[in-house]
N, C-alpha and C. Protein backbone atom coordinates (compact mmCIF):
# COMPACT_ATOMS: atom_id res chain seq x y z
N SER A 1 2.04 -13.16 19.34
CA SER A 1 3.12 -13.09 20.54
C SER A 1 3.58 -11.43 21.09
N PHE A 2 3.75 -11.41 22.31
CA PHE A 2 4.23 -10.47 22.51
C PHE A 2 5.62 -9.55 21.96
N VAL A 3 6.13 -10.32 21.31
CA VAL A 3 7.30 -10.15 20.50
C VAL A 3 6.81 -9.40 18.98
N VAL A 4 5.78 -10.17 18.42
CA VAL A 4 5.37 -9.78 17.27
C VAL A 4 4.48 -8.83 17.41
N GLY A 5 3.81 -8.38 18.75
CA GLY A 5 2.97 -7.40 18.63
C GLY A 5 3.90 -6.15 18.89
N LEU A 6 5.33 -5.89 19.26
CA LEU A 6 6.13 -5.36 19.48
C LEU A 6 6.44 -4.98 18.13
N ILE A 7 6.78 -5.86 17.15
CA ILE A 7 7.50 -5.68 15.66
C ILE A 7 6.57 -4.58 15.26
N SER A 8 5.20 -5.44 15.23
CA SER A 8 4.23 -4.82 14.61
C SER A 8 3.99 -3.22 14.87
N MET A 9 4.28 -2.81 15.74
CA MET A 9 4.78 -1.26 16.41
C MET A 9 5.72 -0.95 15.12
N ILE A 10 6.69 -1.13 14.29
CA ILE A 10 7.54 -0.59 13.83
C ILE A 10 7.01 0.11 12.44
N PRO A 11 5.99 -0.31 11.86
CA PRO A 11 5.66 0.70 10.92
C PRO A 11 4.47 1.72 10.62
N ILE A 12 3.85 1.19 12.47
CA ILE A 12 2.79 2.03 12.75
C ILE A 12 3.32 3.39 13.63
N SER A 13 4.34 3.44 13.93
CA SER A 13 5.51 4.60 14.71
C SER A 13 5.53 5.18 13.35
N PHE A 14 6.78 4.66 12.85
CA PHE A 14 7.23 5.30 11.62
C PHE A 14 6.20 6.35 10.83
N THR A 15 4.85 5.72 10.49
CA THR A 15 3.86 6.12 10.02
C THR A 15 3.23 7.40 10.78
N LEU A 16 3.25 7.38 11.90
CA LEU A 16 2.77 8.41 12.89
C LEU A 16 3.55 9.45 12.82
N LEU A 17 5.30 9.40 12.70
CA LEU A 17 6.37 10.21 12.92
C LEU A 17 5.90 11.08 11.42
N VAL A 18 6.03 10.50 10.50
CA VAL A 18 5.67 10.94 8.94
C VAL A 18 4.41 11.63 8.92
N ASP A 19 3.49 11.27 9.54
CA ASP A 19 2.00 12.15 9.68
C ASP A 19 2.40 13.27 9.97
N PHE A 20 2.80 13.29 11.16
CA PHE A 20 2.95 14.81 11.90
C PHE A 20 4.00 15.42 11.21
N ALA A 21 4.70 14.81 10.77
CA ALA A 21 5.98 15.99 10.22
C ALA A 21 5.50 16.17 8.66
N ILE A 22 4.69 15.47 7.91
CA ILE A 22 3.60 16.21 7.23
C ILE A 22 2.56 17.35 7.73
N MET A 23 1.88 17.06 9.01
CA MET A 23 1.36 18.15 9.46
C MET A 23 2.07 19.45 9.96
N SER A 24 3.20 19.62 9.99
CA SER A 24 4.14 20.15 10.57
C SER A 24 4.05 21.12 9.37
N ILE A 25 5.05 20.31 8.21
CA ILE A 25 5.49 21.30 7.34
C ILE A 25 4.30 22.01 6.36
N PHE A 26 3.27 21.39 6.05
CA PHE A 26 2.13 21.93 5.82
C PHE A 26 1.33 22.94 6.40
N GLY A 27 1.50 23.11 8.09
CA GLY A 27 0.95 24.07 8.62
C GLY A 27 -0.51 23.39 9.10
N ILE A 28 -0.63 22.26 9.10
CA ILE A 28 -2.03 21.34 9.39
C ILE A 28 -1.91 21.31 10.67
N VAL A 29 -2.61 22.07 11.66
CA VAL A 29 -3.00 21.91 12.89
C VAL A 29 -3.31 20.83 13.63
N ILE A 30 -2.93 20.72 14.87
CA ILE A 30 -3.51 19.07 15.56
C ILE A 30 -4.96 19.61 16.06
N ASP A 31 -6.14 19.24 15.82
CA ASP A 31 -7.19 19.65 16.50
C ASP A 31 -7.99 19.01 16.76
N ASP A 32 -9.43 18.75 17.10
CA ASP A 32 -10.48 17.67 17.29
C ASP A 32 -10.64 16.53 15.70
N VAL A 33 -10.51 17.33 15.08
CA VAL A 33 -10.65 16.58 13.36
C VAL A 33 -9.21 15.81 13.19
N THR A 34 -8.26 16.44 13.57
CA THR A 34 -6.94 15.80 11.98
C THR A 34 -6.40 14.77 13.69
N ILE A 35 -6.84 14.81 14.99
CA ILE A 35 -5.71 13.83 15.72
C ILE A 35 -6.65 12.66 15.70
N VAL A 36 -7.72 12.87 15.21
CA VAL A 36 -8.53 11.33 14.63
C VAL A 36 -7.94 10.34 13.90
N ILE A 37 -6.98 10.99 12.91
CA ILE A 37 -6.03 10.41 12.18
C ILE A 37 -5.27 9.55 12.82
N ALA A 38 -4.50 9.73 13.86
CA ALA A 38 -3.49 8.80 14.32
C ALA A 38 -4.67 7.81 15.05
N SER A 39 -5.94 7.72 15.47
CA SER A 39 -6.39 6.34 16.02
C SER A 39 -7.09 5.69 14.64
N ILE A 40 -7.43 6.13 13.62
CA ILE A 40 -7.48 5.59 12.13
C ILE A 40 -6.26 4.72 11.77
N LEU A 41 -4.92 5.23 11.96
CA LEU A 41 -3.99 5.11 11.47
C LEU A 41 -3.24 3.71 12.44
N ILE A 42 -3.53 3.85 13.75
CA ILE A 42 -3.19 2.09 14.42
C ILE A 42 -4.25 1.38 14.30
N GLY A 43 -5.60 1.74 14.00
CA GLY A 43 -6.15 0.49 13.53
C GLY A 43 -6.09 -0.19 12.26
N VAL A 44 -5.91 0.49 11.24
CA VAL A 44 -5.82 0.25 9.91
C VAL A 44 -4.21 -0.08 9.90
N GLY A 45 -3.24 0.67 10.49
CA GLY A 45 -1.76 0.14 10.14
C GLY A 45 -1.77 -1.21 11.03
N ILE A 46 -2.15 -1.74 11.73
CA ILE A 46 -2.07 -2.97 12.58
C ILE A 46 -2.60 -3.92 11.58
N ASP A 47 -3.74 -3.62 11.25
CA ASP A 47 -4.30 -4.43 10.27
C ASP A 47 -3.37 -4.82 8.59
N TYR A 48 -2.75 -3.68 8.47
CA TYR A 48 -1.68 -4.14 7.26
C TYR A 48 -0.56 -4.87 7.96
N THR A 49 -0.19 -4.54 8.89
CA THR A 49 1.21 -5.58 9.35
C THR A 49 0.76 -6.72 9.91
N ILE A 50 -0.57 -7.06 10.29
CA ILE A 50 -1.10 -8.62 10.53
C ILE A 50 -1.02 -9.24 9.18
N HIS A 51 -1.27 -8.63 8.19
CA HIS A 51 -1.66 -9.59 7.07
C HIS A 51 -0.28 -9.39 6.36
N ILE A 52 0.75 -8.84 6.44
CA ILE A 52 1.81 -8.63 5.89
C ILE A 52 2.69 -10.04 6.77
N ILE A 53 3.00 -9.98 8.24
CA ILE A 53 3.25 -10.86 8.77
C ILE A 53 2.56 -12.28 8.44
N THR A 54 1.38 -12.21 8.38
CA THR A 54 0.42 -13.89 8.21
C THR A 54 1.06 -13.86 6.85
N GLY A 55 1.23 -13.32 5.53
CA GLY A 55 1.79 -13.72 4.54
C GLY A 55 3.16 -14.05 4.59
N LEU A 56 4.11 -13.65 5.27
CA LEU A 56 5.55 -14.06 5.63
C LEU A 56 5.50 -15.46 5.77
N ARG A 57 4.31 -15.92 7.03
CA ARG A 57 4.35 -17.14 7.63
C ARG A 57 3.59 -18.12 6.55
N LEU A 58 2.75 -17.93 5.69
CA LEU A 58 2.09 -18.59 4.99
C LEU A 58 3.20 -18.79 3.60
N GLY A 59 4.05 -18.13 3.44
CA GLY A 59 4.92 -17.87 2.29
C GLY A 59 6.03 -18.96 2.70
N TYR A 60 6.27 -19.18 3.88
CA TYR A 60 7.56 -19.76 4.65
C TYR A 60 7.12 -20.95 4.32
N GLU A 61 5.59 -21.30 5.08
CA GLU A 61 5.23 -22.61 5.29
C GLU A 61 5.08 -23.50 3.68
N LYS A 62 4.79 -22.29 2.47
CA LYS A 62 5.18 -22.89 1.12
C LYS A 62 6.36 -23.31 0.40
N TYR A 63 7.22 -22.31 0.63
CA TYR A 63 8.63 -22.06 0.41
C TYR A 63 9.67 -22.72 1.44
N SER A 64 9.27 -22.64 2.80
CA SER A 64 10.71 -22.90 3.24
C SER A 64 11.79 -21.97 3.30
N ASP A 65 11.88 -20.72 2.80
CA ASP A 65 12.91 -20.21 2.28
C ASP A 65 12.22 -18.73 2.75
N ASP A 66 13.17 -17.85 3.33
CA ASP A 66 12.77 -16.64 4.12
C ASP A 66 13.02 -15.68 2.78
N ASP A 67 13.93 -15.65 1.69
CA ASP A 67 13.47 -14.95 0.52
C ASP A 67 12.17 -15.39 -0.56
N LYS A 68 12.33 -16.50 -0.21
CA LYS A 68 10.64 -16.85 -1.19
C LYS A 68 9.58 -16.42 -0.49
N ALA A 69 9.40 -16.69 0.74
CA ALA A 69 8.92 -15.98 1.87
C ALA A 69 8.36 -14.42 1.79
N ILE A 70 9.54 -13.77 1.51
CA ILE A 70 9.14 -12.38 1.89
C ILE A 70 8.65 -11.93 -0.01
N SER A 71 9.02 -12.33 -0.75
CA SER A 71 8.76 -12.41 -2.30
C SER A 71 7.03 -12.40 -2.13
N PHE A 72 6.84 -13.81 -1.84
CA PHE A 72 5.15 -14.27 -1.70
C PHE A 72 4.34 -12.99 -1.23
N ALA A 73 4.73 -12.67 0.59
CA ALA A 73 4.18 -11.85 0.63
C ALA A 73 4.11 -10.49 0.32
N ILE A 74 5.10 -9.96 -0.55
CA ILE A 74 4.78 -8.57 -1.20
C ILE A 74 3.89 -9.00 -2.45
N ARG A 75 4.41 -10.03 -3.01
CA ARG A 75 3.53 -10.00 -4.19
C ARG A 75 2.29 -10.44 -4.13
N ILE A 76 1.97 -10.97 -2.85
CA ILE A 76 0.19 -11.39 -3.06
C ILE A 76 -0.02 -10.82 -1.99
N ILE A 77 0.17 -10.63 -0.93
CA ILE A 77 -0.35 -9.71 0.22
C ILE A 77 -0.18 -8.63 0.33
N GLY A 78 0.70 -8.32 -0.01
CA GLY A 78 1.15 -7.21 -0.62
C GLY A 78 0.13 -5.90 -1.38
N ARG A 79 0.00 -7.03 -2.62
CA ARG A 79 -0.97 -6.41 -3.52
C ARG A 79 -2.21 -6.36 -3.17
N ALA A 80 -2.83 -6.92 -2.21
CA ALA A 80 -3.98 -7.02 -2.07
C ALA A 80 -4.10 -5.63 -0.88
N VAL A 81 -3.24 -5.51 -0.15
CA VAL A 81 -3.24 -4.28 0.77
C VAL A 81 -3.02 -3.03 -0.07
N PHE A 82 -2.15 -3.08 -0.92
CA PHE A 82 -2.50 -1.51 -1.67
C PHE A 82 -4.03 -1.27 -2.65
N ILE A 83 -4.55 -2.60 -3.00
CA ILE A 83 -5.87 -2.27 -3.93
C ILE A 83 -6.89 -2.13 -2.30
N ASN A 84 -6.81 -2.69 -1.13
CA ASN A 84 -7.45 -2.30 -0.10
C ASN A 84 -7.03 -0.65 0.02
N THR A 85 -5.78 -0.24 0.24
CA THR A 85 -5.71 1.19 0.62
C THR A 85 -6.01 2.22 -0.42
N SER A 86 -5.95 1.90 -1.92
CA SER A 86 -6.52 2.42 -2.77
C SER A 86 -8.26 2.65 -2.60
N ALA A 87 -8.85 1.88 -2.57
CA ALA A 87 -10.36 1.61 -2.48
C ALA A 87 -10.61 2.57 -1.27
N VAL A 88 -10.15 2.43 0.03
CA VAL A 88 -10.80 3.21 1.04
C VAL A 88 -10.06 4.58 1.14
N SER A 89 -8.86 4.87 0.52
CA SER A 89 -8.51 6.38 0.50
C SER A 89 -9.48 7.20 -0.72
N LEU A 90 -9.99 6.32 -1.21
CA LEU A 90 -10.84 7.02 -2.27
C LEU A 90 -12.35 7.74 -1.32
N GLY A 91 -12.52 6.84 -0.29
CA GLY A 91 -13.60 6.97 0.27
C GLY A 91 -13.12 8.63 1.01
N PHE A 92 -11.90 8.31 1.54
CA PHE A 92 -11.70 9.87 2.70
C PHE A 92 -11.39 10.79 1.54
N ILE A 93 -10.70 10.54 0.36
CA ILE A 93 -11.00 11.81 -0.58
C ILE A 93 -11.96 12.57 -1.06
N ALA A 94 -12.96 11.75 -0.60
CA ALA A 94 -14.20 12.47 -1.09
C ALA A 94 -14.61 13.48 -0.09
N LEU A 95 -14.23 13.68 1.18
CA LEU A 95 -13.93 14.73 2.12
C LEU A 95 -13.52 15.66 1.63
N MET A 96 -12.65 15.73 0.52
CA MET A 96 -12.25 17.07 0.19
C MET A 96 -13.06 17.86 -0.39
N PHE A 97 -14.26 17.02 -1.12
CA PHE A 97 -14.87 18.04 -1.70
C PHE A 97 -16.22 18.55 -0.98
N GLY A 98 -16.27 18.81 0.34
CA GLY A 98 -16.53 19.41 1.13
C GLY A 98 -16.45 20.97 1.35
N ASP A 99 -17.48 21.66 2.58
CA ASP A 99 -16.95 23.02 2.32
C ASP A 99 -15.95 23.26 3.68
N PHE A 100 -16.36 22.32 4.85
CA PHE A 100 -15.76 22.40 5.89
C PHE A 100 -14.44 22.00 5.86
N LEU A 101 -13.07 22.93 5.94
CA LEU A 101 -11.71 22.98 5.78
C LEU A 101 -11.09 22.06 6.71
N PRO A 102 -11.59 21.89 8.15
CA PRO A 102 -10.56 20.36 8.75
C PRO A 102 -11.03 19.51 7.89
N LEU A 103 -12.20 19.22 7.36
CA LEU A 103 -12.63 17.49 6.78
C LEU A 103 -12.00 17.26 5.87
N ARG A 104 -11.78 18.64 5.06
CA ARG A 104 -11.09 18.35 3.96
C ARG A 104 -9.17 18.19 3.88
N SER A 105 -8.93 19.09 5.36
CA SER A 105 -7.50 18.47 5.48
C SER A 105 -7.69 17.07 6.09
N MET A 106 -8.43 16.46 6.77
CA MET A 106 -8.31 15.24 7.31
C MET A 106 -8.72 14.50 6.29
N GLY A 107 -9.60 14.74 5.47
CA GLY A 107 -9.58 13.24 3.88
C GLY A 107 -8.28 13.43 3.40
N LEU A 108 -7.84 14.04 3.10
CA LEU A 108 -6.10 14.57 2.33
C LEU A 108 -5.14 13.27 3.44
N LEU A 109 -5.13 14.18 4.17
CA LEU A 109 -4.10 13.76 5.39
C LEU A 109 -4.51 11.94 5.43
N THR A 110 -5.85 11.46 5.91
CA THR A 110 -5.72 10.43 6.21
C THR A 110 -5.43 9.39 5.03
N ALA A 111 -5.51 9.73 3.77
CA ALA A 111 -5.62 8.77 2.60
C ALA A 111 -3.85 8.80 2.39
N VAL A 112 -3.34 9.71 2.44
CA VAL A 112 -1.78 9.92 2.35
C VAL A 112 -1.36 8.95 3.60
N THR A 113 -1.68 9.14 4.75
CA THR A 113 -1.25 8.26 5.64
C THR A 113 -1.70 7.03 5.59
N MET A 114 -2.60 6.26 5.00
CA MET A 114 -3.09 5.01 4.89
C MET A 114 -2.04 4.55 3.57
N PHE A 115 -1.68 5.50 2.81
CA PHE A 115 -0.44 4.76 1.62
C PHE A 115 0.60 4.59 2.74
N ILE A 116 0.95 5.51 3.35
CA ILE A 116 2.15 5.65 4.08
C ILE A 116 2.12 4.15 5.01
N ALA A 117 1.44 4.36 5.33
CA ALA A 117 1.43 2.74 6.56
C ALA A 117 1.30 1.39 6.27
N ALA A 118 0.31 1.49 4.43
CA ALA A 118 0.52 0.41 3.81
C ALA A 118 2.08 0.02 3.18
N GLY A 119 2.59 1.36 2.84
CA GLY A 119 4.00 1.15 2.06
C GLY A 119 4.88 0.74 3.50
N SER A 120 4.78 1.46 4.37
CA SER A 120 5.59 0.73 5.27
C SER A 120 5.42 -0.29 6.28
N ALA A 121 4.27 -0.74 6.12
CA ALA A 121 4.24 -2.33 6.56
C ALA A 121 4.77 -3.41 5.18
N VAL A 122 4.35 -2.73 4.09
CA VAL A 122 5.21 -3.92 3.17
C VAL A 122 6.63 -3.78 3.02
N ILE A 123 6.98 -2.86 3.23
CA ILE A 123 8.68 -2.31 3.51
C ILE A 123 9.45 -2.71 4.69
N LEU A 124 8.70 -2.20 5.91
CA LEU A 124 9.50 -2.58 7.18
C LEU A 124 9.64 -4.03 7.90
N ILE A 125 8.77 -4.65 7.43
CA ILE A 125 8.34 -5.64 8.02
C ILE A 125 9.04 -6.72 7.37
N PRO A 126 9.24 -6.86 6.19
CA PRO A 126 10.07 -7.56 5.60
C PRO A 126 11.47 -7.54 5.42
N ALA A 127 12.03 -6.29 5.77
CA ALA A 127 13.30 -5.75 5.93
C ALA A 127 13.60 -6.11 7.57
N PHE A 128 12.88 -6.17 8.20
CA PHE A 128 13.25 -6.31 9.68
C PHE A 128 13.32 -8.04 9.50
N VAL A 129 12.28 -8.82 9.09
CA VAL A 129 12.41 -10.39 8.88
C VAL A 129 13.53 -10.34 8.67
N LYS A 130 14.44 -9.63 7.47
CA LYS A 130 15.37 -10.17 6.63
C LYS A 130 16.61 -9.73 7.19
N SER A 131 16.72 -8.73 8.00
CA SER A 131 17.64 -8.12 8.80
C SER A 131 18.24 -8.91 9.99
N TYR A 132 17.28 -8.91 11.12
CA TYR A 132 17.28 -9.19 12.51
C TYR A 132 16.87 -11.03 12.14
N LYS A 133 18.24 -11.89 12.46
CA LYS A 133 17.97 -12.79 12.51
C LYS A 133 17.86 -13.72 13.27
N ARG A 134 17.78 -13.06 14.74
CA ARG A 134 17.03 -13.47 15.97
C ARG A 134 15.38 -13.78 16.10
N PHE A 135 15.00 -12.76 15.04
CA PHE A 135 13.64 -13.24 14.69
C PHE A 135 13.01 -14.31 13.72
N ASN A 136 12.23 -15.17 14.17
CA ASN A 136 12.25 -16.37 13.13
C ASN A 136 11.10 -16.45 12.73
N ILE A 137 10.49 -16.01 11.38
CA ILE A 137 9.25 -15.79 11.10
C ILE A 137 8.65 -17.01 11.44
N LYS A 138 9.02 -18.43 11.33
CA LYS A 138 8.75 -19.76 11.21
C LYS A 138 8.02 -19.94 12.34
N GLU A 139 8.48 -19.50 13.59
CA GLU A 139 8.08 -19.43 14.71
C GLU A 139 6.58 -19.05 15.25
N VAL A 140 6.50 -17.78 14.24
CA VAL A 140 5.02 -16.70 14.29
C VAL A 140 4.08 -17.97 14.49
N LYS A 141 3.02 -17.97 15.51
CA LYS A 141 1.77 -18.85 15.03
C LYS A 141 0.66 -17.75 14.26
N LEU A 142 0.16 -18.90 13.64
CA LEU A 142 -1.07 -18.49 12.80
C LEU A 142 -2.76 -18.68 13.78
């Protein structure tokens, strides 16, 4: 749905802000290589968010309670998201062993960004569902 699509942008937007803040703090310039991270983040971040929203919906079908649905999504889906993040991040960290400095920066920054994206999806989406009562997880179509 359109509303769920907008809600899905919360963790992605947060992660983009943190990503560019990290780049600013450490003096990493935005160039042809590092700007690719934003594209990767949007693709991966929306995937993590969809998994969490689906986990919330499945948890609600199983338990019919928001708190138990959130617990289910974090325990089951959140764990899978972080295992996936760890595996993919290791691939990007391998770029740090190269000689080309921009790719080394990209490797580390992408790995860090992926963990921020996963964490923000696992934390911000359930927090939004819990705090914003007009958003009804039961109505999300699978």
